[in-house]
Amino acid sequence: MPIVAVVAYAALVGALAAQPPGSDDLWAPLALLVVAHLGLGWAVARPWVLLLPAALCVGLFVVAGASELDWLILFLGLPVTIVVTTVGLLLGLRSEWRSSVAIGLAAIALGCATWTALQWVDRGPHVPASVQRELPTDVSLGNLCPGAESDREFEDDVRRRAEVLIRELRRNPDHVVTDTVYYSHGGDEERDITIRDLAEDQLADIESGGPNCAPELERRIREAL
């Protein structure tokens, strides 16, 4: 059953990596990764299995760009995955359930792959360029907060974009837009997310500004969601 476990592990990691961008739920993927490494070590129960989480973390580090926060993958992710896999390995040495664990891991991988596929299927087409330009994809609605000190012209533009967001959220919540994420440590990243995901991100920006940050706009976005 070691081969089944390794294939299932690879499939599960691949399904998690292939999930559409835009989700803020990090706990479910992290929990699945913990289960995957525990099950992998348990089902294989051989020392070489520790090479797999090491290879995964190094690969993620390189793909992520090997810069600044990416080092957390090696300094935090690598030790955790090695420890969890080692725990599974030790459990597997004295267990008669290794085959059952491998089958269970395969079932989890299949379920995760199915869920990822359904998420992609549910996404609509990309919005037209004219709509893309009108949406708040490169600016935060948090600029409407009292402490943002935005000038009147910029604030009016943000409010116009907010109105377009509410309109499109009601019409086509599953259509896709290209959003730009700006990182505090520098740099930015473009990602294709649904209008619903964009609205949830913008709502979080408003909430982070406190209860007096555009409460009426916050209410309307919530209603549209």
Protein backbone atom coordinates (compact mmCIF):
# COMPACT_ATOMS: atom_id res chain seq x y z
CA MET A 1 0.00 0.00 0.00
CA PRO A 2 2.91 2.49 0.11
CA ILE A 3 2.41 3.26 -3.60
CA VAL A 4 -1.29 3.96 -3.05
CA ALA A 5 -0.45 6.29 -0.16
CA VAL A 6 2.20 8.20 -2.14
CA VAL A 7 -0.10 8.62 -5.17
CA ALA A 8 -2.97 9.73 -2.93
CA TYR A 9 -0.67 12.19 -1.15
CA ALA A 10 0.49 13.67 -4.46
CA ALA A 11 -3.09 13.90 -5.70
CA LEU A 12 -4.23 15.65 -2.53
CA VAL A 13 -1.40 18.19 -2.65
CA GLY A 14 -2.11 18.79 -6.33
CA ALA A 15 -5.83 19.30 -5.71
CA LEU A 16 -5.09 21.84 -2.96
CA ALA A 17 -2.63 23.69 -5.19
CA ALA A 18 -5.17 23.78 -8.04
CA GLN A 19 -7.95 25.41 -6.02
CA PRO A 20 -9.19 28.69 -7.50
CA PRO A 21 -7.65 31.81 -5.93
CA GLY A 22 -9.67 34.12 -3.75
CA SER A 23 -10.58 31.94 -0.81
CA ASP A 24 -9.69 33.29 2.63
CA ASP A 25 -10.25 29.94 4.30
CA LEU A 26 -6.73 28.76 5.14
CA TRP A 27 -7.64 26.39 7.95
CA ALA A 28 -9.28 23.71 5.81
CA PRO A 29 -6.28 23.30 3.45
CA LEU A 30 -3.88 23.35 6.41
CA ALA A 31 -5.92 20.71 8.22
CA LEU A 32 -5.97 18.56 5.08
CA LEU A 33 -2.20 18.88 4.75
CA VAL A 34 -1.74 17.75 8.36
CA VAL A 35 -4.01 14.75 7.75
CA ALA A 36 -2.18 13.99 4.49
CA HIS A 37 1.25 13.91 6.12
CA LEU A 38 0.03 11.93 9.11
CA GLY A 39 -1.65 9.39 6.83
CA LEU A 40 1.36 9.28 4.50
CA GLY A 41 3.77 8.43 7.30
CA TRP A 42 1.34 5.92 8.80
CA ALA A 43 0.62 4.08 5.53
CA VAL A 44 4.23 3.96 4.31
CA ALA A 45 5.99 3.54 7.69
CA ARG A 46 9.48 3.66 6.17
CA PRO A 47 12.20 6.28 6.77
CA TRP A 48 12.36 7.39 3.13
CA VAL A 49 8.84 8.80 3.46
CA LEU A 50 10.35 11.83 5.23
CA LEU A 51 11.86 12.90 1.92
CA LEU A 52 8.39 13.69 0.55
CA PRO A 53 7.41 16.54 2.91
CA ALA A 54 10.96 17.90 2.59
CA ALA A 55 10.67 17.89 -1.21
CA LEU A 56 7.23 19.50 -1.01
CA CYS A 57 8.39 22.39 1.19
CA VAL A 58 11.52 23.05 -0.85
CA GLY A 59 9.47 22.97 -4.05
CA LEU A 60 6.88 25.39 -2.64
CA PHE A 61 9.66 27.69 -1.48
CA VAL A 62 11.20 27.82 -4.96
CA VAL A 63 7.87 28.22 -6.76
CA ALA A 64 6.81 31.00 -4.36
CA GLY A 65 9.87 32.99 -5.33
CA ALA A 66 12.23 32.31 -2.42
CA SER A 67 11.85 35.81 -1.00
CA GLU A 68 11.16 37.28 2.45
CA LEU A 69 7.95 35.68 3.81
CA ASP A 70 8.52 32.62 1.63
CA TRP A 71 11.25 31.57 4.07
CA LEU A 72 8.46 30.70 6.53
CA ILE A 73 7.81 27.67 4.35
CA LEU A 74 11.25 26.33 5.29
CA PHE A 75 11.49 27.67 8.84
CA LEU A 76 7.94 26.73 9.89
CA GLY A 77 6.33 24.51 7.27
CA LEU A 78 9.24 22.11 6.86
CA PRO A 79 9.68 21.23 10.58
CA VAL A 80 5.92 20.85 11.09
CA THR A 81 5.40 18.54 8.12
CA ILE A 82 8.45 16.47 9.06
CA VAL A 83 7.24 16.09 12.66
CA VAL A 84 3.69 15.17 11.62
CA THR A 85 4.96 12.65 9.06
CA THR A 86 7.31 11.19 11.68
CA VAL A 87 4.41 10.76 14.10
CA GLY A 88 2.51 8.91 11.39
CA LEU A 89 5.57 6.78 10.65
CA LEU A 90 5.89 5.76 14.30
CA LEU A 91 2.19 4.92 14.46
CA GLY A 92 2.51 2.84 11.30
CA LEU A 93 5.39 0.76 12.66
CA ARG A 94 3.11 -0.79 15.25
CA SER A 95 -0.17 -0.70 13.37
CA GLU A 96 -2.05 -3.26 11.36
CA TRP A 97 -4.21 -0.57 9.78
CA ARG A 98 -1.70 0.71 7.25
CA SER A 99 -3.75 -0.49 4.28
CA SER A 100 -6.90 1.08 5.69
CA VAL A 101 -5.09 4.37 6.25
CA ALA A 102 -3.81 4.35 2.66
CA ILE A 103 -7.33 3.74 1.34
CA GLY A 104 -8.69 6.49 3.58
CA LEU A 105 -6.03 8.89 2.31
CA ALA A 106 -6.99 8.02 -1.26
CA ALA A 107 -10.65 8.71 -0.47
CA ILE A 108 -9.77 12.11 1.00
CA ALA A 109 -7.68 12.94 -2.07
CA LEU A 110 -10.55 11.98 -4.37
CA GLY A 111 -12.98 14.12 -2.38
CA CYS A 112 -10.62 17.10 -2.44
CA ALA A 113 -10.03 16.74 -6.19
CA THR A 114 -13.78 16.59 -6.79
CA TRP A 115 -14.36 19.69 -4.68
CA THR A 116 -11.64 21.59 -6.55
CA ALA A 117 -13.14 20.60 -9.90
CA LEU A 118 -16.61 21.76 -8.80
CA GLN A 119 -15.18 25.12 -7.71
CA TRP A 120 -13.74 25.66 -11.18
CA VAL A 121 -16.96 24.55 -12.87
CA ASP A 122 -19.02 27.02 -10.81
CA ARG A 123 -16.94 29.98 -11.99
CA GLY A 124 -18.41 32.04 -14.78
CA PRO A 125 -16.62 33.75 -17.70
CA HIS A 126 -14.28 36.69 -17.28
CA VAL A 127 -16.05 40.05 -17.23
CA PRO A 128 -15.65 42.31 -20.29
CA ALA A 129 -12.74 44.75 -20.26
CA SER A 130 -15.15 47.67 -19.87
CA VAL A 131 -16.51 46.21 -16.63
CA GLN A 132 -13.05 45.21 -15.43
CA ARG A 133 -11.93 48.85 -15.64
CA GLU A 134 -14.89 50.04 -13.55
CA LEU A 135 -14.49 47.56 -10.68
CA PRO A 136 -12.32 48.20 -7.58
CA THR A 137 -9.72 45.61 -8.53
CA ASP A 138 -6.66 47.76 -7.90
CA VAL A 139 -7.94 49.99 -5.09
CA SER A 140 -9.36 49.30 -1.63
CA LEU A 141 -12.74 50.50 -0.45
CA GLY A 142 -10.96 51.05 2.85
CA ASN A 143 -9.89 54.38 1.34
CA LEU A 144 -13.39 55.59 2.25
CA CYS A 145 -12.61 55.28 5.96
CA PRO A 146 -12.41 58.58 7.89
CA GLY A 147 -8.71 58.15 8.65
CA ALA A 148 -7.71 57.36 5.06
CA GLU A 149 -7.31 61.06 4.21
CA SER A 150 -8.29 60.49 0.57
CA ASP A 151 -8.86 63.59 -1.58
CA ARG A 152 -12.35 64.26 -2.91
CA GLU A 153 -11.66 63.24 -6.52
CA PHE A 154 -10.12 59.93 -5.49
CA GLU A 155 -12.91 59.23 -3.00
CA ASP A 156 -15.56 59.88 -5.68
CA ASP A 157 -13.81 57.42 -7.98
CA VAL A 158 -13.71 54.77 -5.25
CA ARG A 159 -17.43 55.27 -4.58
CA ARG A 160 -18.23 54.87 -8.29
CA ARG A 161 -16.27 51.62 -8.33
CA ALA A 162 -18.12 50.45 -5.23
CA GLU A 163 -21.45 51.02 -6.98
CA VAL A 164 -20.29 48.97 -9.97
CA LEU A 165 -19.18 46.21 -7.59
CA ILE A 166 -22.63 46.06 -5.96
CA ARG A 167 -24.32 46.07 -9.37
CA GLU A 168 -22.18 43.24 -10.75
CA LEU A 169 -22.40 41.33 -7.48
CA ARG A 170 -26.17 41.20 -7.87
CA ARG A 171 -26.04 40.36 -11.58
CA ASN A 172 -23.07 38.01 -12.02
CA PRO A 173 -21.49 37.04 -8.67
CA ASP A 174 -19.64 34.06 -10.18
CA HIS A 175 -18.08 35.91 -13.10
CA VAL A 176 -14.32 36.35 -12.93
CA VAL A 177 -12.25 39.53 -12.61
CA THR A 178 -8.51 40.11 -12.51
CA ASP A 179 -7.66 41.46 -9.07
CA THR A 180 -4.36 43.02 -7.99
CA VAL A 181 -3.03 42.26 -4.52
CA TYR A 182 -0.45 44.61 -3.03
CA TYR A 183 1.81 43.16 -0.34
CA SER A 184 3.03 45.13 2.66
CA HIS A 185 6.59 43.88 2.13
CA GLY A 186 6.55 45.14 -1.46
CA GLY A 187 5.45 43.83 -4.82
CA ASP A 188 2.05 42.88 -6.14
CA GLU A 189 0.28 39.90 -7.68
CA GLU A 190 -2.55 39.59 -10.17
CA ARG A 191 -5.08 36.81 -9.69
CA ASP A 192 -8.38 35.83 -11.29
CA ILE A 193 -11.16 35.67 -8.70
CA THR A 194 -14.95 35.82 -8.77
CA ILE A 195 -16.86 39.03 -8.17
CA ARG A 196 -18.15 37.45 -4.96
CA ASP A 197 -14.58 36.89 -3.77
CA LEU A 198 -13.70 40.47 -4.68
CA ALA A 199 -16.68 41.76 -2.70
CA GLU A 200 -15.71 39.68 0.33
CA ASP A 201 -12.13 41.01 0.17
CA GLN A 202 -13.35 44.59 -0.09
CA LEU A 203 -15.80 44.02 2.76
CA ALA A 204 -12.90 42.84 4.91
CA ASP A 205 -11.01 46.05 4.06
CA ILE A 206 -13.98 48.14 5.18
CA GLU A 207 -14.37 46.12 8.39
CA SER A 208 -10.70 46.58 9.22
CA GLY A 209 -11.29 50.35 9.20
CA GLY A 210 -13.63 50.16 12.18
CA PRO A 211 -17.41 50.58 12.66
CA ASN A 212 -17.42 54.12 11.24
CA CYS A 213 -15.85 53.18 7.92
CA ALA A 214 -18.61 53.48 5.29
CA PRO A 215 -21.31 51.63 7.32
CA GLU A 216 -24.01 52.18 4.68
CA LEU A 217 -21.78 50.80 1.92
CA GLU A 218 -20.88 47.84 4.14
CA ARG A 219 -24.57 47.11 4.70
CA ARG A 220 -25.34 47.20 0.98
CA ILE A 221 -22.46 44.89 0.09
CA ARG A 222 -23.61 42.43 2.75
CA GLU A 223 -27.14 42.49 1.34
CA ALA A 224 -25.83 41.88 -2.19
CA LEU A 225 -23.76 38.93 -0.95
